Each structure stands twice: as structure tokens, then as C-alpha cells.
Amino acid sequence: MELDKVFAWSSLLGACRIHQNLELREILAIAFGILNTAPGTTVRVVKNLRVCNDWHVATKYISKIMEREIIVRDVRRFHHFKEGTCSCGDYW
């Protein structure tokens, strides 16, 4: 693994341990997808719970900053994050 990837992983894992927050684990899944796929590749995540507001906002920012499409399936619907917006129109 490249040095920047190691730093990113250690930072994310540390945040998950400190906060013990489920939403951070989903962000970690997105980070794993981004770090281990080619630029421009769509990242897909499946959740067995509904998304929360913090996670939804964070994923919108990630899709804009990383210039990736992120498709998330939660228990109710699909969310297609692209260029900082979500297909659900923030009605999740």
C-alpha cells in the first residue's frame, strides 16, 4: 500500500475506534472503495439500516470532492450521489 493510503486508513480506523459510531463505518466502506478502485469508478455500498442525516451529508461531500459516483442501497431506497447531490433530493 502507498504511504498516503496507509495514512488515510489509519486516520479513518482511529476515528471509528474513538467514536464507535456506525455511520463512520459506512464512511470507511466508501473510503475502502475509493482507495481500492481506479479513479472515476462508481462505488457501491449496501446498508441494512436507513441512512442518517450526517452520513447523507458526508457522502454528498465525498462524491463532490472525490469526483466519484457513489450508489448506496439502504433499507428503503437507492441513493445515487454524484457531484455533491443525491437522487433522493434529500428526502431520505
PDB file of N, CA and C in Angstrom:
ATOM      1  N   MET A   1       0.834  -1.179   0.000  1.00  0.00           N
ATOM      2  CA  MET A   1       0.000   0.000   0.000  1.00  0.00           C
ATOM      3  C   MET A   1       0.879   1.242   0.000  1.00  0.00           C
ATOM      4  N   GLU A   2       0.450   2.256  -0.723  1.00  0.00           N
ATOM      5  CA  GLU A   2       1.194   3.509  -0.759  1.00  0.00           C
ATOM      6  C   GLU A   2       1.095   4.212   0.589  1.00  0.00           C
ATOM      7  N   LEU A   3       2.045   5.078   0.868  1.00  0.00           N
ATOM      8  CA  LEU A   3       2.109   5.762   2.146  1.00  0.00           C
ATOM      9  C   LEU A   3       0.857   6.590   2.422  1.00  0.00           C
ATOM     10  N   ASP A   4       0.338   7.307   1.423  1.00  0.00           N
ATOM     11  CA  ASP A   4      -0.852   8.126   1.637  1.00  0.00           C
ATOM     12  C   ASP A   4      -2.071   7.264   1.946  1.00  0.00           C
ATOM     13  N   LYS A   5      -2.148   6.082   1.350  1.00  0.00           N
ATOM     14  CA  LYS A   5      -3.251   5.174   1.656  1.00  0.00           C
ATOM     15  C   LYS A   5      -3.148   4.656   3.085  1.00  0.00           C
ATOM     16  N   VAL A   6      -1.943   4.343   3.518  1.00  0.00           N
ATOM     17  CA  VAL A   6      -1.741   3.875   4.894  1.00  0.00           C
ATOM     18  C   VAL A   6      -2.169   4.960   5.870  1.00  0.00           C
ATOM     19  N   PHE A   7      -1.779   6.208   5.604  1.00  0.00           N
ATOM     20  CA  PHE A   7      -2.168   7.309   6.479  1.00  0.00           C
ATOM     21  C   PHE A   7      -3.685   7.479   6.504  1.00  0.00           C
ATOM     22  N   ALA A   8      -4.320   7.408   5.337  1.00  0.00           N
ATOM     23  CA  ALA A   8      -5.774   7.565   5.265  1.00  0.00           C
ATOM     24  C   ALA A   8      -6.475   6.455   6.053  1.00  0.00           C
ATOM     25  N   TRP A   9      -6.003   5.214   5.869  1.00  0.00           N
ATOM     26  CA  TRP A   9      -6.611   4.086   6.597  1.00  0.00           C
ATOM     27  C   TRP A   9      -6.441   4.234   8.097  1.00  0.00           C
ATOM     28  N   SER A  10      -5.247   4.605   8.542  1.00  0.00           N
ATOM     29  CA  SER A  10      -5.031   4.717   9.982  1.00  0.00           C
ATOM     30  C   SER A  10      -5.876   5.841  10.575  1.00  0.00           C
ATOM     31  N   SER A  11      -6.031   6.925   9.848  1.00  0.00           N
ATOM     32  CA  SER A  11      -6.871   8.032  10.326  1.00  0.00           C
ATOM     33  C   SER A  11      -8.331   7.614  10.437  1.00  0.00           C
ATOM     34  N   LEU A  12      -8.824   6.931   9.406  1.00  0.00           N
ATOM     35  CA  LEU A  12     -10.226   6.503   9.429  1.00  0.00           C
ATOM     36  C   LEU A  12     -10.487   5.449  10.499  1.00  0.00           C
ATOM     37  N   LEU A  13      -9.589   4.495  10.630  1.00  0.00           N
ATOM     38  CA  LEU A  13      -9.766   3.470  11.663  1.00  0.00           C
ATOM     39  C   LEU A  13      -9.700   4.078  13.054  1.00  0.00           C
ATOM     40  N   GLY A  14      -8.809   5.029  13.242  1.00  0.00           N
ATOM     41  CA  GLY A  14      -8.727   5.716  14.528  1.00  0.00           C
ATOM     42  C   GLY A  14     -10.010   6.454  14.852  1.00  0.00           C
ATOM     43  N   ALA A  15     -10.592   7.113  13.867  1.00  0.00           N
ATOM     44  CA  ALA A  15     -11.854   7.829  14.087  1.00  0.00           C
ATOM     45  C   ALA A  15     -12.971   6.854  14.441  1.00  0.00           C
ATOM     46  N   CYS A  16     -13.003   5.705  13.805  1.00  0.00           N
ATOM     47  CA  CYS A  16     -14.033   4.709  14.113  1.00  0.00           C
ATOM     48  C   CYS A  16     -13.875   4.187  15.531  1.00  0.00           C
ATOM     49  N   ARG A  17     -12.634   3.967  15.964  1.00  0.00           N
ATOM     50  CA  ARG A  17     -12.397   3.465  17.317  1.00  0.00           C
ATOM     51  C   ARG A  17     -12.770   4.506  18.364  1.00  0.00           C
ATOM     52  N   ILE A  18     -12.432   5.756  18.101  1.00  0.00           N
ATOM     53  CA  ILE A  18     -12.697   6.816  19.072  1.00  0.00           C
ATOM     54  C   ILE A  18     -14.194   7.041  19.223  1.00  0.00           C
ATOM     55  N   HIS A  19     -14.895   7.147  18.119  1.00  0.00           N
ATOM     56  CA  HIS A  19     -16.313   7.495  18.164  1.00  0.00           C
ATOM     57  C   HIS A  19     -17.222   6.282  18.293  1.00  0.00           C
ATOM     58  N   GLN A  20     -16.763   5.119  17.886  1.00  0.00           N
ATOM     59  CA  GLN A  20     -17.556   3.894  17.869  1.00  0.00           C
ATOM     60  C   GLN A  20     -18.932   4.178  17.283  1.00  0.00           C
ATOM     61  N   ASN A  21     -18.910   4.799  16.154  1.00  0.00           N
ATOM     62  CA  ASN A  21     -20.121   5.282  15.515  1.00  0.00           C
ATOM     63  C   ASN A  21     -20.371   4.470  14.251  1.00  0.00           C
ATOM     64  N   LEU A  22     -21.591   3.975  14.090  1.00  0.00           N
ATOM     65  CA  LEU A  22     -21.915   3.153  12.930  1.00  0.00           C
ATOM     66  C   LEU A  22     -21.761   3.910  11.619  1.00  0.00           C
ATOM     67  N   GLU A  23     -22.115   5.192  11.616  1.00  0.00           N
ATOM     68  CA  GLU A  23     -22.016   5.961  10.385  1.00  0.00           C
ATOM     69  C   GLU A  23     -20.573   6.054   9.905  1.00  0.00           C
ATOM     70  N   LEU A  24     -19.631   6.135  10.837  1.00  0.00           N
ATOM     71  CA  LEU A  24     -18.229   6.187  10.433  1.00  0.00           C
ATOM     72  C   LEU A  24     -17.810   4.895   9.757  1.00  0.00           C
ATOM     73  N   ARG A  25     -18.414   3.800  10.131  1.00  0.00           N
ATOM     74  CA  ARG A  25     -18.081   2.529   9.486  1.00  0.00           C
ATOM     75  C   ARG A  25     -18.547   2.524   8.030  1.00  0.00           C
ATOM     76  N   GLU A  26     -19.671   3.156   7.749  1.00  0.00           N
ATOM     77  CA  GLU A  26     -20.120   3.252   6.367  1.00  0.00           C
ATOM     78  C   GLU A  26     -19.212   4.179   5.565  1.00  0.00           C
ATOM     79  N   ILE A  27     -18.748   5.251   6.190  1.00  0.00           N
ATOM     80  CA  ILE A  27     -17.795   6.137   5.535  1.00  0.00           C
ATOM     81  C   ILE A  27     -16.500   5.366   5.260  1.00  0.00           C
ATOM     82  N   LEU A  28     -16.113   4.507   6.184  1.00  0.00           N
ATOM     83  CA  LEU A  28     -14.932   3.670   5.989  1.00  0.00           C
ATOM     84  C   LEU A  28     -15.123   2.742   4.790  1.00  0.00           C
ATOM     85  N   ALA A  29     -16.328   2.219   4.619  1.00  0.00           N
ATOM     86  CA  ALA A  29     -16.611   1.364   3.460  1.00  0.00           C
ATOM     87  C   ALA A  29     -16.469   2.153   2.160  1.00  0.00           C
ATOM     88  N   ILE A  30     -16.949   3.386   2.154  1.00  0.00           N
ATOM     89  CA  ILE A  30     -16.808   4.238   0.969  1.00  0.00           C
ATOM     90  C   ILE A  30     -15.327   4.533   0.719  1.00  0.00           C
ATOM     91  N   ALA A  31     -14.590   4.842   1.789  1.00  0.00           N
ATOM     92  CA  ALA A  31     -13.157   5.112   1.641  1.00  0.00           C
ATOM     93  C   ALA A  31     -12.428   3.896   1.086  1.00  0.00           C
ATOM     94  N   PHE A  32     -12.782   2.714   1.552  1.00  0.00           N
ATOM     95  CA  PHE A  32     -12.180   1.488   1.048  1.00  0.00           C
ATOM     96  C   PHE A  32     -12.424   1.353  -0.453  1.00  0.00           C
ATOM     97  N   GLY A  33     -13.652   1.633  -0.868  1.00  0.00           N
ATOM     98  CA  GLY A  33     -13.985   1.561  -2.285  1.00  0.00           C
ATOM     99  C   GLY A  33     -13.214   2.566  -3.108  1.00  0.00           C
ATOM    100  N   ILE A  34     -13.064   3.781  -2.591  1.00  0.00           N
ATOM    101  CA  ILE A  34     -12.343   4.824  -3.320  1.00  0.00           C
ATOM    102  C   ILE A  34     -10.853   4.499  -3.411  1.00  0.00           C
ATOM    103  N   LEU A  35     -10.282   4.037  -2.308  1.00  0.00           N
ATOM    104  CA  LEU A  35      -8.844   3.756  -2.284  1.00  0.00           C
ATOM    105  C   LEU A  35      -8.461   2.537  -3.114  1.00  0.00           C
ATOM    106  N   ASN A  36      -9.394   1.625  -3.320  1.00  0.00           N
ATOM    107  CA  ASN A  36      -9.054   0.366  -3.978  1.00  0.00           C
ATOM    108  C   ASN A  36      -9.646   0.207  -5.372  1.00  0.00           C
ATOM    109  N   THR A  37     -10.127   1.305  -5.956  1.00  0.00           N
ATOM    110  CA  THR A  37     -10.634   1.255  -7.326  1.00  0.00           C
ATOM    111  C   THR A  37      -9.991   2.373  -8.135  1.00  0.00           C
ATOM    112  N   ALA A  38     -10.075   2.238  -9.423  1.00  0.00           N
ATOM    113  CA  ALA A  38      -9.486   3.249 -10.309  1.00  0.00           C
ATOM    114  C   ALA A  38     -10.284   4.551 -10.235  1.00  0.00           C
ATOM    115  N   PRO A  39      -9.614   5.690 -10.442  1.00  0.00           N
ATOM    116  CA  PRO A  39     -10.332   6.972 -10.459  1.00  0.00           C
ATOM    117  C   PRO A  39     -11.490   6.943 -11.456  1.00  0.00           C
ATOM    118  N   GLY A  40     -12.617   7.511 -11.042  1.00  0.00           N
ATOM    119  CA  GLY A  40     -13.789   7.559 -11.907  1.00  0.00           C
ATOM    120  C   GLY A  40     -14.716   6.358 -11.786  1.00  0.00           C
ATOM    121  N   THR A  41     -14.279   5.331 -11.081  1.00  0.00           N
ATOM    122  CA  THR A  41     -15.103   4.140 -10.903  1.00  0.00           C
ATOM    123  C   THR A  41     -16.232   4.433  -9.919  1.00  0.00           C
ATOM    124  N   THR A  42     -17.411   3.902 -10.197  1.00  0.00           N
ATOM    125  CA  THR A  42     -18.547   4.049  -9.290  1.00  0.00           C
ATOM    126  C   THR A  42     -18.338   3.171  -8.070  1.00  0.00           C
ATOM    127  N   VAL A  43     -18.615   3.735  -6.886  1.00  0.00           N
ATOM    128  CA  VAL A  43     -18.513   2.993  -5.631  1.00  0.00           C
ATOM    129  C   VAL A  43     -19.926   2.602  -5.213  1.00  0.00           C
ATOM    130  N   ARG A  44     -20.117   1.327  -4.858  1.00  0.00           N
ATOM    131  CA  ARG A  44     -21.432   0.832  -4.443  1.00  0.00           C
ATOM    132  C   ARG A  44     -21.364   0.316  -3.012  1.00  0.00           C
ATOM    133  N   VAL A  45     -22.340   0.732  -2.194  1.00  0.00           N
ATOM    134  CA  VAL A  45     -22.411   0.325  -0.794  1.00  0.00           C
ATOM    135  C   VAL A  45     -23.833  -0.133  -0.505  1.00  0.00           C
ATOM    136  N   VAL A  46     -23.965  -1.208   0.262  1.00  0.00           N
ATOM    137  CA  VAL A  46     -25.276  -1.699   0.689  1.00  0.00           C
ATOM    138  C   VAL A  46     -25.345  -1.603   2.207  1.00  0.00           C
ATOM    139  N   LYS A  47     -26.397  -0.966   2.701  1.00  0.00           N
ATOM    140  CA  LYS A  47     -26.619  -0.827   4.146  1.00  0.00           C
ATOM    141  C   LYS A  47     -27.867  -1.605   4.531  1.00  0.00           C
ATOM    142  N   ASN A  48     -27.865  -2.136   5.748  1.00  0.00           N
ATOM    143  CA  ASN A  48     -29.062  -2.818   6.224  1.00  0.00           C
ATOM    144  C   ASN A  48     -29.889  -1.924   7.142  1.00  0.00           C
ATOM    145  N   LEU A  49     -29.502  -0.654   7.253  1.00  0.00           N
ATOM    146  CA  LEU A  49     -30.230   0.334   8.038  1.00  0.00           C
ATOM    147  C   LEU A  49     -30.494   1.551   7.165  1.00  0.00           C
ATOM    148  N   ARG A  50     -31.365   2.434   7.630  1.00  0.00           N
ATOM    149  CA  ARG A  50     -31.579   3.687   6.910  1.00  0.00           C
ATOM    150  C   ARG A  50     -30.405   4.612   7.135  1.00  0.00           C
ATOM    151  N   VAL A  51     -30.189   5.508   6.197  1.00  0.00           N
ATOM    152  CA  VAL A  51     -29.107   6.474   6.341  1.00  0.00           C
ATOM    153  C   VAL A  51     -29.541   7.569   7.308  1.00  0.00           C
ATOM    154  N   CYS A  52     -28.571   8.152   8.004  1.00  0.00           N
ATOM    155  CA  CYS A  52     -28.866   9.291   8.875  1.00  0.00           C
ATOM    156  C   CYS A  52     -28.437  10.565   8.168  1.00  0.00           C
ATOM    157  N   ASN A  53     -28.835  11.692   8.702  1.00  0.00           N
ATOM    158  CA  ASN A  53     -28.550  12.982   8.073  1.00  0.00           C
ATOM    159  C   ASN A  53     -27.047  13.233   7.953  1.00  0.00           C
ATOM    160  N   ASP A  54     -26.287  13.013   9.028  1.00  0.00           N
ATOM    161  CA  ASP A  54     -24.846  13.264   8.989  1.00  0.00           C
ATOM    162  C   ASP A  54     -24.171  12.442   7.901  1.00  0.00           C
ATOM    163  N   TRP A  55     -24.529  11.171   7.828  1.00  0.00           N
ATOM    164  CA  TRP A  55     -23.935  10.280   6.838  1.00  0.00           C
ATOM    165  C   TRP A  55     -24.313  10.727   5.428  1.00  0.00           C
ATOM    166  N   HIS A  56     -25.556  11.131   5.251  1.00  0.00           N
ATOM    167  CA  HIS A  56     -26.045  11.566   3.944  1.00  0.00           C
ATOM    168  C   HIS A  56     -25.275  12.794   3.470  1.00  0.00           C
ATOM    169  N   VAL A  57     -25.101  13.774   4.348  1.00  0.00           N
ATOM    170  CA  VAL A  57     -24.371  14.995   4.001  1.00  0.00           C
ATOM    171  C   VAL A  57     -22.906  14.669   3.712  1.00  0.00           C
ATOM    172  N   ALA A  58     -22.296  13.839   4.544  1.00  0.00           N
ATOM    173  CA  ALA A  58     -20.892  13.474   4.343  1.00  0.00           C
ATOM    174  C   ALA A  58     -20.698  12.782   2.997  1.00  0.00           C
ATOM    175  N   THR A  59     -21.609  11.911   2.629  1.00  0.00           N
ATOM    176  CA  THR A  59     -21.481  11.178   1.368  1.00  0.00           C
ATOM    177  C   THR A  59     -21.639  12.128   0.181  1.00  0.00           C
ATOM    178  N   LYS A  60     -22.494  13.125   0.298  1.00  0.00           N
ATOM    179  CA  LYS A  60     -22.614  14.127  -0.765  1.00  0.00           C
ATOM    180  C   LYS A  60     -21.293  14.867  -0.957  1.00  0.00           C
ATOM    181  N   TYR A  61     -20.676  15.279   0.151  1.00  0.00           N
ATOM    182  CA  TYR A  61     -19.393  15.967   0.059  1.00  0.00           C
ATOM    183  C   TYR A  61     -18.309  15.064  -0.526  1.00  0.00           C
ATOM    184  N   ILE A  62     -18.285  13.809  -0.112  1.00  0.00           N
ATOM    185  CA  ILE A  62     -17.283  12.874  -0.627  1.00  0.00           C
ATOM    186  C   ILE A  62     -17.435  12.721  -2.135  1.00  0.00           C
ATOM    187  N   SER A  63     -18.681  12.597  -2.606  1.00  0.00           N
ATOM    188  CA  SER A  63     -18.893  12.420  -4.045  1.00  0.00           C
ATOM    189  C   SER A  63     -18.415  13.641  -4.827  1.00  0.00           C
ATOM    190  N   LYS A  64     -18.575  14.820  -4.247  1.00  0.00           N
ATOM    191  CA  LYS A  64     -18.130  16.046  -4.936  1.00  0.00           C
ATOM    192  C   LYS A  64     -16.607  16.177  -4.899  1.00  0.00           C
ATOM    193  N   ILE A  65     -16.020  15.999  -3.727  1.00  0.00           N
ATOM    194  CA  ILE A  65     -14.577  16.180  -3.569  1.00  0.00           C
ATOM    195  C   ILE A  65     -13.796  15.130  -4.348  1.00  0.00           C
ATOM    196  N   MET A  66     -14.231  13.887  -4.271  1.00  0.00           N
ATOM    197  CA  MET A  66     -13.507  12.793  -4.914  1.00  0.00           C
ATOM    198  C   MET A  66     -13.904  12.597  -6.375  1.00  0.00           C
ATOM    199  N   GLU A  67     -14.899  13.354  -6.829  1.00  0.00           N
ATOM    200  CA  GLU A  67     -15.392  13.271  -8.213  1.00  0.00           C
ATOM    201  C   GLU A  67     -15.745  11.825  -8.571  1.00  0.00           C
ATOM    202  N   ARG A  68     -16.550  11.221  -7.702  1.00  0.00           N
ATOM    203  CA  ARG A  68     -16.994   9.845  -7.892  1.00  0.00           C
ATOM    204  C   ARG A  68     -18.503   9.771  -7.761  1.00  0.00           C
ATOM    205  N   GLU A  69     -19.078   8.823  -8.459  1.00  0.00           N
ATOM    206  CA  GLU A  69     -20.481   8.493  -8.230  1.00  0.00           C
ATOM    207  C   GLU A  69     -20.504   7.416  -7.158  1.00  0.00           C
ATOM    208  N   ILE A  70     -21.351   7.605  -6.156  1.00  0.00           N
ATOM    209  CA  ILE A  70     -21.484   6.644  -5.071  1.00  0.00           C
ATOM    210  C   ILE A  70     -22.942   6.210  -5.027  1.00  0.00           C
ATOM    211  N   ILE A  71     -23.166   4.925  -5.170  1.00  0.00           N
ATOM    212  CA  ILE A  71     -24.522   4.387  -5.130  1.00  0.00           C
ATOM    213  C   ILE A  71     -24.679   3.623  -3.826  1.00  0.00           C
ATOM    214  N   VAL A  72     -25.691   4.008  -3.059  1.00  0.00           N
ATOM    215  CA  VAL A  72     -25.930   3.380  -1.764  1.00  0.00           C
ATOM    216  C   VAL A  72     -27.345   2.820  -1.738  1.00  0.00           C
ATOM    217  N   ARG A  73     -27.453   1.584  -1.327  1.00  0.00           N
ATOM    218  CA  ARG A  73     -28.766   0.967  -1.136  1.00  0.00           C
ATOM    219  C   ARG A  73     -28.992   0.859   0.360  1.00  0.00           C
ATOM    220  N   ASP A  74     -29.972   1.595   0.873  1.00  0.00           N
ATOM    221  CA  ASP A  74     -30.340   1.408   2.278  1.00  0.00           C
ATOM    222  C   ASP A  74     -31.614   0.579   2.330  1.00  0.00           C
ATOM    223  N   VAL A  75     -32.191   0.453   3.494  1.00  0.00           N
ATOM    224  CA  VAL A  75     -33.334  -0.434   3.667  1.00  0.00           C
ATOM    225  C   VAL A  75     -34.576   0.058   2.909  1.00  0.00           C
ATOM    226  N   ARG A  76     -34.622   1.341   2.577  1.00  0.00           N
ATOM    227  CA  ARG A  76     -35.803   1.909   1.913  1.00  0.00           C
ATOM    228  C   ARG A  76     -35.631   2.216   0.426  1.00  0.00           C
ATOM    229  N   ARG A  77     -34.449   2.693   0.025  1.00  0.00           N
ATOM    230  CA  ARG A  77     -34.282   3.154  -1.361  1.00  0.00           C
ATOM    231  C   ARG A  77     -32.809   3.171  -1.777  1.00  0.00           C
ATOM    232  N   PHE A  78     -32.615   3.452  -3.050  1.00  0.00           N
ATOM    233  CA  PHE A  78     -31.273   3.677  -3.575  1.00  0.00           C
ATOM    234  C   PHE A  78     -30.962   5.164  -3.503  1.00  0.00           C
ATOM    235  N   HIS A  79     -29.728   5.470  -3.191  1.00  0.00           N
ATOM    236  CA  HIS A  79     -29.243   6.851  -3.215  1.00  0.00           C
ATOM    237  C   HIS A  79     -28.104   6.892  -4.224  1.00  0.00           C
ATOM    238  N   HIS A  80     -28.218   7.778  -5.205  1.00  0.00           N
ATOM    239  CA  HIS A  80     -27.165   7.963  -6.208  1.00  0.00           C
ATOM    240  C   HIS A  80     -26.532   9.322  -5.951  1.00  0.00           C
ATOM    241  N   PHE A  81     -25.349   9.307  -5.357  1.00  0.00           N
ATOM    242  CA  PHE A  81     -24.628  10.544  -5.064  1.00  0.00           C
ATOM    243  C   PHE A  81     -23.704  10.846  -6.225  1.00  0.00           C
ATOM    244  N   LYS A  82     -23.839  12.040  -6.766  1.00  0.00           N
ATOM    245  CA  LYS A  82     -22.987  12.449  -7.876  1.00  0.00           C
ATOM    246  C   LYS A  82     -22.839  13.966  -7.838  1.00  0.00           C
ATOM    247  N   GLU A  83     -21.586  14.434  -7.904  1.00  0.00           N
ATOM    248  CA  GLU A  83     -21.270  15.861  -7.915  1.00  0.00           C
ATOM    249  C   GLU A  83     -21.905  16.607  -6.753  1.00  0.00           C
ATOM    250  N   GLY A  84     -21.977  15.979  -5.597  1.00  0.00           N
ATOM    251  CA  GLY A  84     -22.470  16.633  -4.395  1.00  0.00           C
ATOM    252  C   GLY A  84     -23.972  16.650  -4.221  1.00  0.00           C
ATOM    253  N   THR A  85     -24.696  15.930  -5.066  1.00  0.00           N
ATOM    254  CA  THR A  85     -26.146  15.866  -4.907  1.00  0.00           C
ATOM    255  C   THR A  85     -26.570  14.407  -4.816  1.00  0.00           C
ATOM    256  N   CYS A  86     -27.773  14.207  -4.308  1.00  0.00           N
ATOM    257  CA  CYS A  86     -28.312  12.860  -4.173  1.00  0.00           C
ATOM    258  C   CYS A  86     -29.606  12.751  -4.951  1.00  0.00           C
ATOM    259  N   SER A  87     -29.825  11.582  -5.530  1.00  0.00           N
ATOM    260  CA  SER A  87     -31.025  11.359  -6.343  1.00  0.00           C
ATOM    261  C   SER A  87     -32.316  11.431  -5.528  1.00  0.00           C
ATOM    262  N   CYS A  88     -32.219  11.256  -4.218  1.00  0.00           N
ATOM    263  CA  CYS A  88     -33.432  11.299  -3.390  1.00  0.00           C
ATOM    264  C   CYS A  88     -33.887  12.741  -3.136  1.00  0.00           C
ATOM    265  N   GLY A  89     -33.087  13.730  -3.563  1.00  0.00           N
ATOM    266  CA  GLY A  89     -33.444  15.118  -3.328  1.00  0.00           C
ATOM    267  C   GLY A  89     -33.459  15.473  -1.861  1.00  0.00           C
ATOM    268  N   ASP A  90     -32.601  14.798  -1.083  1.00  0.00           N
ATOM    269  CA  ASP A  90     -32.508  14.956   0.366  1.00  0.00           C
ATOM    270  C   ASP A  90     -33.800  14.566   1.083  1.00  0.00           C
ATOM    271  N   TYR A  91     -34.584  13.725   0.449  1.00  0.00           N
ATOM    272  CA  TYR A  91     -35.781  13.160   1.094  1.00  0.00           C
ATOM    273  C   TYR A  91     -35.474  11.695   1.363  1.00  0.00           C
ATOM    274  N   TRP A  92     -34.800  11.445   2.431  1.00  0.00           N
ATOM    275  CA  TRP A  92     -34.357  10.093   2.737  1.00  0.00           C
ATOM    276  C   TRP A  92     -35.147   9.565   3.890  1.00  0.00           C
TER     277      TRP A  92
END
